[in-house]
Amino acid sequence: EDFGRSNAANILNKYKKEIPTFNDDIQGTGIVV
């Protein structure tokens, strides 16, 4: 939650295929929209 634009996608992309993880700013709003 609330990671800046320079870090948010990098962190999500690194871990999303390794562990159950979710970035609310990137993915949460996308799901709702």
Full PDB file with SEQRES, HELIX, SHEET, SSBOND, CRYST1, ORIGX, SCALE, CONECT and MASTER records, all heavy atoms in Angstrom:
SEQRES   1 A   33  GLU ASP PHE GLY ARG SER ASN ALA ALA ASN ILE LEU ASN          
SEQRES   2 A   33  LYS TYR LYS LYS GLU ILE PRO THR PHE ASN ASP ASP ILE          
SEQRES   3 A   33  GLN GLY THR GLY ILE VAL VAL                                  
HELIX    1 AA1 ALA A    8  TYR A   15  1                                   8    
HELIX    2 AA2 ASP A   24  GLY A   28  3                                   5    
HELIX    3 AA3 THR A   29  VAL A   32  1                                   4    
CRYST1    1.000    1.000    1.000  90.00  90.00  90.00 P 1           1          
ORIGX1      1.000000  0.000000  0.000000        0.00000                         
ORIGX2      0.000000  1.000000  0.000000        0.00000                         
ORIGX3      0.000000  0.000000  1.000000        0.00000                         
SCALE1      1.000000  0.000000  0.000000        0.00000                         
SCALE2      0.000000  1.000000  0.000000        0.00000                         
SCALE3      0.000000  0.000000  1.000000        0.00000                         
ATOM      1  N   GLU A   1       0.846  -1.212   0.000  1.00  0.00           N  
ATOM      2  CA  GLU A   1       0.000   0.000   0.000  1.00  0.00           C  
ATOM      3  C   GLU A   1       0.873   1.250   0.000  1.00  0.00           C  
ATOM      4  O   GLU A   1       1.840   1.358   0.762  1.00  0.00           O  
ATOM      5  CB  GLU A   1      -0.888   0.001   1.247  1.00  0.00           C  
ATOM      6  CG  GLU A   1      -1.915   1.120   1.303  1.00  0.00           C  
ATOM      7  CD  GLU A   1      -3.141   0.834   0.464  1.00  0.00           C  
ATOM      8  OE1 GLU A   1      -3.511  -0.349   0.336  1.00  0.00           O  
ATOM      9  OE2 GLU A   1      -3.752   1.789  -0.048  1.00  0.00           O  
ATOM     10  N   ASP A   2       0.541   2.201  -0.875  1.00  0.00           N  
ATOM     11  CA  ASP A   2       1.163   3.533  -0.885  1.00  0.00           C  
ATOM     12  C   ASP A   2       2.657   3.527  -1.205  1.00  0.00           C  
ATOM     13  O   ASP A   2       3.413   4.339  -0.671  1.00  0.00           O  
ATOM     14  CB  ASP A   2       0.917   4.253   0.451  1.00  0.00           C  
ATOM     15  CG  ASP A   2      -0.523   4.693   0.609  1.00  0.00           C  
ATOM     16  OD1 ASP A   2      -1.227   4.776  -0.417  1.00  0.00           O  
ATOM     17  OD2 ASP A   2      -0.953   4.951   1.738  1.00  0.00           O  
ATOM     18  N   PHE A   3       3.092   2.636  -2.077  1.00  0.00           N  
ATOM     19  CA  PHE A   3       4.465   2.691  -2.562  1.00  0.00           C  
ATOM     20  C   PHE A   3       4.497   3.610  -3.784  1.00  0.00           C  
ATOM     21  O   PHE A   3       3.587   3.597  -4.609  1.00  0.00           O  
ATOM     22  CB  PHE A   3       4.970   1.300  -2.920  1.00  0.00           C  
ATOM     23  CG  PHE A   3       5.375   0.491  -1.717  1.00  0.00           C  
ATOM     24  CD1 PHE A   3       4.415   0.035  -0.827  1.00  0.00           C  
ATOM     25  CD2 PHE A   3       6.701   0.228  -1.466  1.00  0.00           C  
ATOM     26  CE1 PHE A   3       4.775  -0.690   0.297  1.00  0.00           C  
ATOM     27  CE2 PHE A   3       7.081  -0.500  -0.346  1.00  0.00           C  
ATOM     28  CZ  PHE A   3       6.112  -0.950   0.548  1.00  0.00           C  
ATOM     29  N   GLY A   4       5.545   4.416  -3.904  1.00  0.00           N  
ATOM     30  CA  GLY A   4       5.630   5.394  -4.981  1.00  0.00           C  
ATOM     31  C   GLY A   4       5.741   4.761  -6.351  1.00  0.00           C  
ATOM     32  O   GLY A   4       6.079   3.580  -6.485  1.00  0.00           O  
ATOM     33  N   ARG A   5       5.474   5.562  -7.378  1.00  0.00           N  
ATOM     34  CA  ARG A   5       5.426   5.040  -8.742  1.00  0.00           C  
ATOM     35  C   ARG A   5       6.761   4.444  -9.182  1.00  0.00           C  
ATOM     36  O   ARG A   5       6.799   3.575 -10.042  1.00  0.00           O  
ATOM     37  CB  ARG A   5       4.960   6.123  -9.717  1.00  0.00           C  
ATOM     38  CG  ARG A   5       5.889   7.310  -9.857  1.00  0.00           C  
ATOM     39  CD  ARG A   5       5.235   8.444 -10.635  1.00  0.00           C  
ATOM     40  NE  ARG A   5       5.149   8.157 -12.052  1.00  0.00           N  
ATOM     41  CZ  ARG A   5       4.526   8.955 -12.924  1.00  0.00           C  
ATOM     42  NH1 ARG A   5       3.903  10.035 -12.495  1.00  0.00           N  
ATOM     43  NH2 ARG A   5       4.499   8.663 -14.197  1.00  0.00           N  
ATOM     44  N   SER A   6       7.872   4.896  -8.605  1.00  0.00           N  
ATOM     45  CA  SER A   6       9.174   4.370  -9.002  1.00  0.00           C  
ATOM     46  C   SER A   6       9.444   2.987  -8.422  1.00  0.00           C  
ATOM     47  O   SER A   6      10.296   2.258  -8.921  1.00  0.00           O  
ATOM     48  CB  SER A   6      10.289   5.332  -8.565  1.00  0.00           C  
ATOM     49  OG  SER A   6      10.305   5.484  -7.152  1.00  0.00           O  
ATOM     50  N   ASN A   7       8.720   2.609  -7.357  1.00  0.00           N  
ATOM     51  CA  ASN A   7       8.978   1.330  -6.687  1.00  0.00           C  
ATOM     52  C   ASN A   7       7.838   0.325  -6.792  1.00  0.00           C  
ATOM     53  O   ASN A   7       8.072  -0.888  -6.775  1.00  0.00           O  
ATOM     54  CB  ASN A   7       9.268   1.564  -5.191  1.00  0.00           C  
ATOM     55  CG  ASN A   7      10.572   2.306  -4.966  1.00  0.00           C  
ATOM     56  OD1 ASN A   7      11.548   2.068  -5.660  1.00  0.00           O  
ATOM     57  ND2 ASN A   7      10.580   3.223  -4.007  1.00  0.00           N  
ATOM     58  N   ALA A   8       6.599   0.812  -6.862  1.00  0.00           N  
ATOM     59  CA  ALA A   8       5.430  -0.068  -6.728  1.00  0.00           C  
ATOM     60  C   ALA A   8       5.434  -1.212  -7.742  1.00  0.00           C  
ATOM     61  O   ALA A   8       5.313  -2.390  -7.369  1.00  0.00           O  
ATOM     62  CB  ALA A   8       4.153   0.756  -6.861  1.00  0.00           C  
ATOM     63  N   ALA A   9       5.565  -0.889  -9.026  1.00  0.00           N  
ATOM     64  CA  ALA A   9       5.508  -1.922 -10.066  1.00  0.00           C  
ATOM     65  C   ALA A   9       6.713  -2.864  -9.984  1.00  0.00           C  
ATOM     66  O   ALA A   9       6.583  -4.078 -10.188  1.00  0.00           O  
ATOM     67  CB  ALA A   9       5.427  -1.285 -11.445  1.00  0.00           C  
ATOM     68  N   ASN A  10       7.884  -2.306  -9.679  1.00  0.00           N  
ATOM     69  CA  ASN A  10       9.087  -3.146  -9.573  1.00  0.00           C  
ATOM     70  C   ASN A  10       8.922  -4.214  -8.503  1.00  0.00           C  
ATOM     71  O   ASN A  10       9.258  -5.387  -8.707  1.00  0.00           O  
ATOM     72  CB  ASN A  10      10.305  -2.283  -9.236  1.00  0.00           C  
ATOM     73  CG  ASN A  10      10.717  -1.385 -10.386  1.00  0.00           C  
ATOM     74  OD1 ASN A  10      10.368  -1.650 -11.539  1.00  0.00           O  
ATOM     75  ND2 ASN A  10      11.462  -0.343 -10.092  1.00  0.00           N  
ATOM     76  N   ILE A  11       8.401  -3.805  -7.337  1.00  0.00           N  
ATOM     77  CA  ILE A  11       8.227  -4.738  -6.230  1.00  0.00           C  
ATOM     78  C   ILE A  11       7.178  -5.789  -6.573  1.00  0.00           C  
ATOM     79  O   ILE A  11       7.374  -6.987  -6.365  1.00  0.00           O  
ATOM     80  CB  ILE A  11       7.861  -3.979  -4.945  1.00  0.00           C  
ATOM     81  CG1 ILE A  11       9.059  -3.141  -4.481  1.00  0.00           C  
ATOM     82  CG2 ILE A  11       7.413  -4.929  -3.846  1.00  0.00           C  
ATOM     83  CD1 ILE A  11       8.751  -2.199  -3.332  1.00  0.00           C  
ATOM     84  N   LEU A  12       6.046  -5.337  -7.110  1.00  0.00           N  
ATOM     85  CA  LEU A  12       4.980  -6.277  -7.457  1.00  0.00           C  
ATOM     86  C   LEU A  12       5.463  -7.293  -8.480  1.00  0.00           C  
ATOM     87  O   LEU A  12       5.246  -8.503  -8.327  1.00  0.00           O  
ATOM     88  CB  LEU A  12       3.765  -5.525  -7.994  1.00  0.00           C  
ATOM     89  CG  LEU A  12       2.605  -6.398  -8.477  1.00  0.00           C  
ATOM     90  CD1 LEU A  12       2.009  -7.193  -7.315  1.00  0.00           C  
ATOM     91  CD2 LEU A  12       1.525  -5.539  -9.143  1.00  0.00           C  
ATOM     92  N   ASN A  13       6.122  -6.816  -9.529  1.00  0.00           N  
ATOM     93  CA  ASN A  13       6.561  -7.708 -10.596  1.00  0.00           C  
ATOM     94  C   ASN A  13       7.614  -8.713 -10.115  1.00  0.00           C  
ATOM     95  O   ASN A  13       7.694  -9.832 -10.625  1.00  0.00           O  
ATOM     96  CB  ASN A  13       7.120  -6.902 -11.768  1.00  0.00           C  
ATOM     97  CG  ASN A  13       6.038  -6.134 -12.511  1.00  0.00           C  
ATOM     98  OD1 ASN A  13       4.875  -6.525 -12.484  1.00  0.00           O  
ATOM     99  ND2 ASN A  13       6.416  -5.036 -13.146  1.00  0.00           N  
ATOM    100  N   LYS A  14       8.393  -8.322  -9.109  1.00  0.00           N  
ATOM    101  CA  LYS A  14       9.417  -9.226  -8.590  1.00  0.00           C  
ATOM    102  C   LYS A  14       8.814 -10.398  -7.825  1.00  0.00           C  
ATOM    103  O   LYS A  14       9.295 -11.535  -7.926  1.00  0.00           O  
ATOM    104  CB  LYS A  14      10.384  -8.462  -7.682  1.00  0.00           C  
ATOM    105  CG  LYS A  14      11.477  -9.364  -7.112  1.00  0.00           C  
ATOM    106  CD  LYS A  14      12.523  -8.585  -6.346  1.00  0.00           C  
ATOM    107  CE  LYS A  14      13.616  -9.520  -5.838  1.00  0.00           C  
ATOM    108  NZ  LYS A  14      14.684  -8.796  -5.112  1.00  0.00           N  
ATOM    109  N   TYR A  15       7.726 -10.137  -7.069  1.00  0.00           N  
ATOM    110  CA  TYR A  15       7.233 -11.153  -6.146  1.00  0.00           C  
ATOM    111  C   TYR A  15       5.930 -11.845  -6.552  1.00  0.00           C  
ATOM    112  O   TYR A  15       5.581 -12.876  -5.995  1.00  0.00           O  
ATOM    113  CB  TYR A  15       7.050 -10.535  -4.746  1.00  0.00           C  
ATOM    114  CG  TYR A  15       8.333 -10.028  -4.153  1.00  0.00           C  
ATOM    115  CD1 TYR A  15       8.581  -8.673  -4.058  1.00  0.00           C  
ATOM    116  CD2 TYR A  15       9.312 -10.910  -3.713  1.00  0.00           C  
ATOM    117  CE1 TYR A  15       9.769  -8.195  -3.525  1.00  0.00           C  
ATOM    118  CE2 TYR A  15      10.509 -10.454  -3.176  1.00  0.00           C  
ATOM    119  CZ  TYR A  15      10.730  -9.085  -3.084  1.00  0.00           C  
ATOM    120  OH  TYR A  15      11.915  -8.632  -2.566  1.00  0.00           O  
ATOM    121  N   LYS A  16       5.212 -11.299  -7.532  1.00  0.00           N  
ATOM    122  CA  LYS A  16       3.863 -11.813  -7.794  1.00  0.00           C  
ATOM    123  C   LYS A  16       3.842 -13.252  -8.318  1.00  0.00           C  
ATOM    124  O   LYS A  16       2.808 -13.926  -8.215  1.00  0.00           O  
ATOM    125  CB  LYS A  16       3.103 -10.889  -8.753  1.00  0.00           C  
ATOM    126  CG  LYS A  16       3.637 -10.850 -10.175  1.00  0.00           C  
ATOM    127  CD  LYS A  16       2.798  -9.879 -11.020  1.00  0.00           C  
ATOM    128  CE  LYS A  16       3.284  -9.851 -12.465  1.00  0.00           C  
ATOM    129  NZ  LYS A  16       2.470  -8.899 -13.279  1.00  0.00           N  
ATOM    130  N   LYS A  17       4.960 -13.728  -8.876  1.00  0.00           N  
ATOM    131  CA  LYS A  17       5.017 -15.113  -9.356  1.00  0.00           C  
ATOM    132  C   LYS A  17       5.706 -16.043  -8.361  1.00  0.00           C  
ATOM    133  O   LYS A  17       5.921 -17.223  -8.641  1.00  0.00           O  
ATOM    134  CB  LYS A  17       5.735 -15.171 -10.712  1.00  0.00           C  
ATOM    135  CG  LYS A  17       4.950 -14.477 -11.827  1.00  0.00           C  
ATOM    136  CD  LYS A  17       5.637 -14.614 -13.171  1.00  0.00           C  
ATOM    137  CE  LYS A  17       4.821 -13.920 -14.262  1.00  0.00           C  
ATOM    138  NZ  LYS A  17       5.471 -14.018 -15.598  1.00  0.00           N  
ATOM    139  N   GLU A  18       6.038 -15.484  -7.192  1.00  0.00           N  
ATOM    140  CA  GLU A  18       6.726 -16.264  -6.167  1.00  0.00           C  
ATOM    141  C   GLU A  18       5.869 -16.493  -4.930  1.00  0.00           C  
ATOM    142  O   GLU A  18       5.915 -17.565  -4.323  1.00  0.00           O  
ATOM    143  CB  GLU A  18       8.023 -15.566  -5.751  1.00  0.00           C  
ATOM    144  CG  GLU A  18       9.018 -15.376  -6.891  1.00  0.00           C  
ATOM    145  CD  GLU A  18      10.250 -14.616  -6.447  1.00  0.00           C  
ATOM    146  OE1 GLU A  18      10.399 -14.368  -5.231  1.00  0.00           O  
ATOM    147  OE2 GLU A  18      11.060 -14.243  -7.326  1.00  0.00           O  
ATOM    148  N   ILE A  19       5.088 -15.464  -4.542  1.00  0.00           N  
ATOM    149  CA  ILE A  19       4.282 -15.546  -3.317  1.00  0.00           C  
ATOM    150  C   ILE A  19       2.906 -14.949  -3.566  1.00  0.00           C  
ATOM    151  O   ILE A  19       2.714 -14.202  -4.528  1.00  0.00           O  
ATOM    152  CB  ILE A  19       4.961 -14.802  -2.142  1.00  0.00           C  
ATOM    153  CG1 ILE A  19       5.116 -13.304  -2.481  1.00  0.00           C  
ATOM    154  CG2 ILE A  19       6.317 -15.418  -1.794  1.00  0.00           C  
ATOM    155  CD1 ILE A  19       5.615 -12.461  -1.317  1.00  0.00           C  
ATOM    156  N   PRO A  20       1.929 -15.249  -2.701  1.00  0.00           N  
ATOM    157  CA  PRO A  20       0.616 -14.596  -2.816  1.00  0.00           C  
ATOM    158  C   PRO A  20       0.747 -13.122  -2.431  1.00  0.00           C  
ATOM    159  O   PRO A  20       0.966 -12.801  -1.257  1.00  0.00           O  
ATOM    160  CB  PRO A  20      -0.260 -15.354  -1.809  1.00  0.00           C  
ATOM    161  CG  PRO A  20       0.523 -16.538  -1.362  1.00  0.00           C  
ATOM    162  CD  PRO A  20       1.961 -16.211  -1.581  1.00  0.00           C  
ATOM    163  N   THR A  21       0.668 -12.232  -3.387  1.00  0.00           N  
ATOM    164  CA  THR A  21       0.896 -10.820  -3.098  1.00  0.00           C  
ATOM    165  C   THR A  21       0.057  -9.926  -3.993  1.00  0.00           C  
ATOM    166  O   THR A  21      -0.363 -10.326  -5.088  1.00  0.00           O  
ATOM    167  CB  THR A  21       2.394 -10.482  -3.238  1.00  0.00           C  
ATOM    168  OG1 THR A  21       2.636  -9.174  -2.709  1.00  0.00           O  
ATOM    169  CG2 THR A  21       2.844 -10.528  -4.688  1.00  0.00           C  
ATOM    170  N   PHE A  22      -0.157  -8.701  -3.529  1.00  0.00           N  
ATOM    171  CA  PHE A  22      -1.125  -7.790  -4.152  1.00  0.00           C  
ATOM    172  C   PHE A  22      -0.703  -6.366  -3.859  1.00  0.00           C  
ATOM    173  O   PHE A  22      -0.365  -6.030  -2.721  1.00  0.00           O  
ATOM    174  CB  PHE A  22      -2.508  -8.081  -3.552  1.00  0.00           C  
ATOM    175  CG  PHE A  22      -3.598  -7.104  -3.900  1.00  0.00           C  
ATOM    176  CD1 PHE A  22      -4.180  -7.117  -5.153  1.00  0.00           C  
ATOM    177  CD2 PHE A  22      -4.067  -6.205  -2.964  1.00  0.00           C  
ATOM    178  CE1 PHE A  22      -5.207  -6.237  -5.469  1.00  0.00           C  
ATOM    179  CE2 PHE A  22      -5.098  -5.318  -3.264  1.00  0.00           C  
ATOM    180  CZ  PHE A  22      -5.664  -5.340  -4.518  1.00  0.00           C  
ATOM    181  N   ASN A  23      -0.700  -5.501  -4.882  1.00  0.00           N  
ATOM    182  CA  ASN A  23      -0.459  -4.069  -4.673  1.00  0.00           C  
ATOM    183  C   ASN A  23      -1.763  -3.326  -4.881  1.00  0.00           C  
ATOM    184  O   ASN A  23      -2.315  -3.303  -5.983  1.00  0.00           O  
ATOM    185  CB  ASN A  23       0.617  -3.540  -5.624  1.00  0.00           C  
ATOM    186  CG  ASN A  23       0.940  -2.082  -5.353  1.00  0.00           C  
ATOM    187  OD1 ASN A  23       0.114  -1.210  -5.549  1.00  0.00           O  
ATOM    188  ND2 ASN A  23       2.147  -1.829  -4.880  1.00  0.00           N  
ATOM    189  N   ASP A  24      -2.254  -2.718  -3.823  1.00  0.00           N  
ATOM    190  CA  ASP A  24      -3.572  -2.103  -3.869  1.00  0.00           C  
ATOM    191  C   ASP A  24      -3.632  -0.935  -4.840  1.00  0.00           C  
ATOM    192  O   ASP A  24      -4.613  -0.751  -5.546  1.00  0.00           O  
ATOM    193  CB  ASP A  24      -3.968  -1.641  -2.462  1.00  0.00           C  
ATOM    194  CG  ASP A  24      -5.423  -1.210  -2.376  1.00  0.00           C  
ATOM    195  OD1 ASP A  24      -6.270  -1.914  -2.952  1.00  0.00           O  
ATOM    196  OD2 ASP A  24      -5.701  -0.185  -1.752  1.00  0.00           O  
ATOM    197  N   ASP A  25      -2.583  -0.127  -4.892  1.00  0.00           N  
ATOM    198  CA  ASP A  25      -2.607   1.060  -5.754  1.00  0.00           C  
ATOM    199  C   ASP A  25      -2.582   0.680  -7.230  1.00  0.00           C  
ATOM    200  O   ASP A  25      -3.215   1.333  -8.055  1.00  0.00           O  
ATOM    201  CB  ASP A  25      -1.417   1.965  -5.427  1.00  0.00           C  
ATOM    202  CG  ASP A  25      -1.421   2.405  -3.973  1.00  0.00           C  
ATOM    203  OD1 ASP A  25      -2.366   3.087  -3.573  1.00  0.00           O  
ATOM    204  OD2 ASP A  25      -0.495   2.033  -3.232  1.00  0.00           O  
ATOM    205  N   ILE A  26      -1.849  -0.380  -7.562  1.00  0.00           N  
ATOM    206  CA  ILE A  26      -1.751  -0.807  -8.956  1.00  0.00           C  
ATOM    207  C   ILE A  26      -2.929  -1.692  -9.346  1.00  0.00           C  
ATOM    208  O   ILE A  26      -3.574  -1.486 -10.373  1.00  0.00           O  
ATOM    209  CB  ILE A  26      -0.427  -1.560  -9.207  1.00  0.00           C  
ATOM    210  CG1 ILE A  26       0.761  -0.612  -9.030  1.00  0.00           C  
ATOM    211  CG2 ILE A  26      -0.404  -2.191 -10.593  1.00  0.00           C  
ATOM    212  CD1 ILE A  26       2.102  -1.292  -9.153  1.00  0.00           C  
ATOM    213  N   GLN A  27      -3.217  -2.695  -8.517  1.00  0.00           N  
ATOM    214  CA  GLN A  27      -4.211  -3.704  -8.890  1.00  0.00           C  
ATOM    215  C   GLN A  27      -5.598  -3.432  -8.332  1.00  0.00           C  
ATOM    216  O   GLN A  27      -6.598  -3.717  -8.986  1.00  0.00           O  
ATOM    217  CB  GLN A  27      -3.736  -5.085  -8.412  1.00  0.00           C  
ATOM    218  CG  GLN A  27      -2.465  -5.559  -9.091  1.00  0.00           C  
ATOM    219  CD  GLN A  27      -1.872  -6.764  -8.394  1.00  0.00           C  
ATOM    220  OE1 GLN A  27      -1.394  -6.668  -7.272  1.00  0.00           O  
ATOM    221  NE2 GLN A  27      -1.903  -7.907  -9.049  1.00  0.00           N  
ATOM    222  N   GLY A  28      -5.681  -2.896  -7.110  1.00  0.00           N  
ATOM    223  CA  GLY A  28      -6.984  -2.727  -6.459  1.00  0.00           C  
ATOM    224  C   GLY A  28      -7.904  -1.804  -7.222  1.00  0.00           C  
ATOM    225  O   GLY A  28      -9.052  -2.135  -7.517  1.00  0.00           O  
ATOM    226  N   THR A  29      -7.388  -0.626  -7.577  1.00  0.00           N  
ATOM    227  CA  THR A  29      -8.207   0.325  -8.316  1.00  0.00           C  
ATOM    228  C   THR A  29      -8.579  -0.241  -9.682  1.00  0.00           C  
ATOM    229  O   THR A  29      -9.686  -0.024 -10.178  1.00  0.00           O  
ATOM    230  CB  THR A  29      -7.466   1.667  -8.490  1.00  0.00           C  
ATOM    231  OG1 THR A  29      -6.896   2.060  -7.242  1.00  0.00           O  
ATOM    232  CG2 THR A  29      -8.412   2.749  -8.956  1.00  0.00           C  
ATOM    233  N   GLY A  30      -7.647  -0.991 -10.278  1.00  0.00           N  
ATOM    234  CA  GLY A  30      -7.925  -1.600 -11.578  1.00  0.00           C  
ATOM    235  C   GLY A  30      -9.082  -2.577 -11.516  1.00  0.00           C  
ATOM    236  O   GLY A  30      -9.925  -2.620 -12.420  1.00  0.00           O  
ATOM    237  N   ILE A  31      -9.148  -3.370 -10.446  1.00  0.00           N  
ATOM    238  CA  ILE A  31     -10.243  -4.328 -10.302  1.00  0.00           C  
ATOM    239  C   ILE A  31     -11.569  -3.600 -10.152  1.00  0.00           C  
ATOM    240  O   ILE A  31     -12.573  -3.967 -10.780  1.00  0.00           O  
ATOM    241  CB  ILE A  31     -10.012  -5.246  -9.086  1.00  0.00           C  
ATOM    242  CG1 ILE A  31      -8.702  -6.010  -9.231  1.00  0.00           C  
ATOM    243  CG2 ILE A  31     -11.159  -6.235  -8.935  1.00  0.00           C  
ATOM    244  CD1 ILE A  31      -8.289  -6.765  -7.979  1.00  0.00           C  
ATOM    245  N   VAL A  32     -11.587  -2.559  -9.325  1.00  0.00           N  
ATOM    246  CA  VAL A  32     -12.836  -1.833  -9.092  1.00  0.00           C  
ATOM    247  C   VAL A  32     -13.303  -1.135 -10.369  1.00  0.00           C  
ATOM    248  O   VAL A  32     -14.491  -1.174 -10.719  1.00  0.00           O  
ATOM    249  CB  VAL A  32     -12.666  -0.816  -7.941  1.00  0.00           C  
ATOM    250  CG1 VAL A  32     -13.939   0.007  -7.763  1.00  0.00           C  
ATOM    251  CG2 VAL A  32     -12.333  -1.524  -6.636  1.00  0.00           C  
ATOM    252  N   VAL A  33     -12.380  -0.482 -11.069  1.00  0.00           N  
ATOM    253  CA  VAL A  33     -12.751   0.193 -12.321  1.00  0.00           C  
ATOM    254  C   VAL A  33     -13.243  -0.822 -13.344  1.00  0.00           C  
ATOM    255  O   VAL A  33     -14.249  -0.595 -14.035  1.00  0.00           O  
ATOM    256  CB  VAL A  33     -11.563   1.013 -12.876  1.00  0.00           C  
ATOM    257  CG1 VAL A  33     -11.858   1.487 -14.302  1.00  0.00           C  
ATOM    258  CG2 VAL A  33     -11.287   2.210 -11.982  1.00  0.00           C  
TER     259      VAL A  33                                                      
MASTER        0    0    0    3    0    0    0    6  258    1    0    3          
END                                                                             
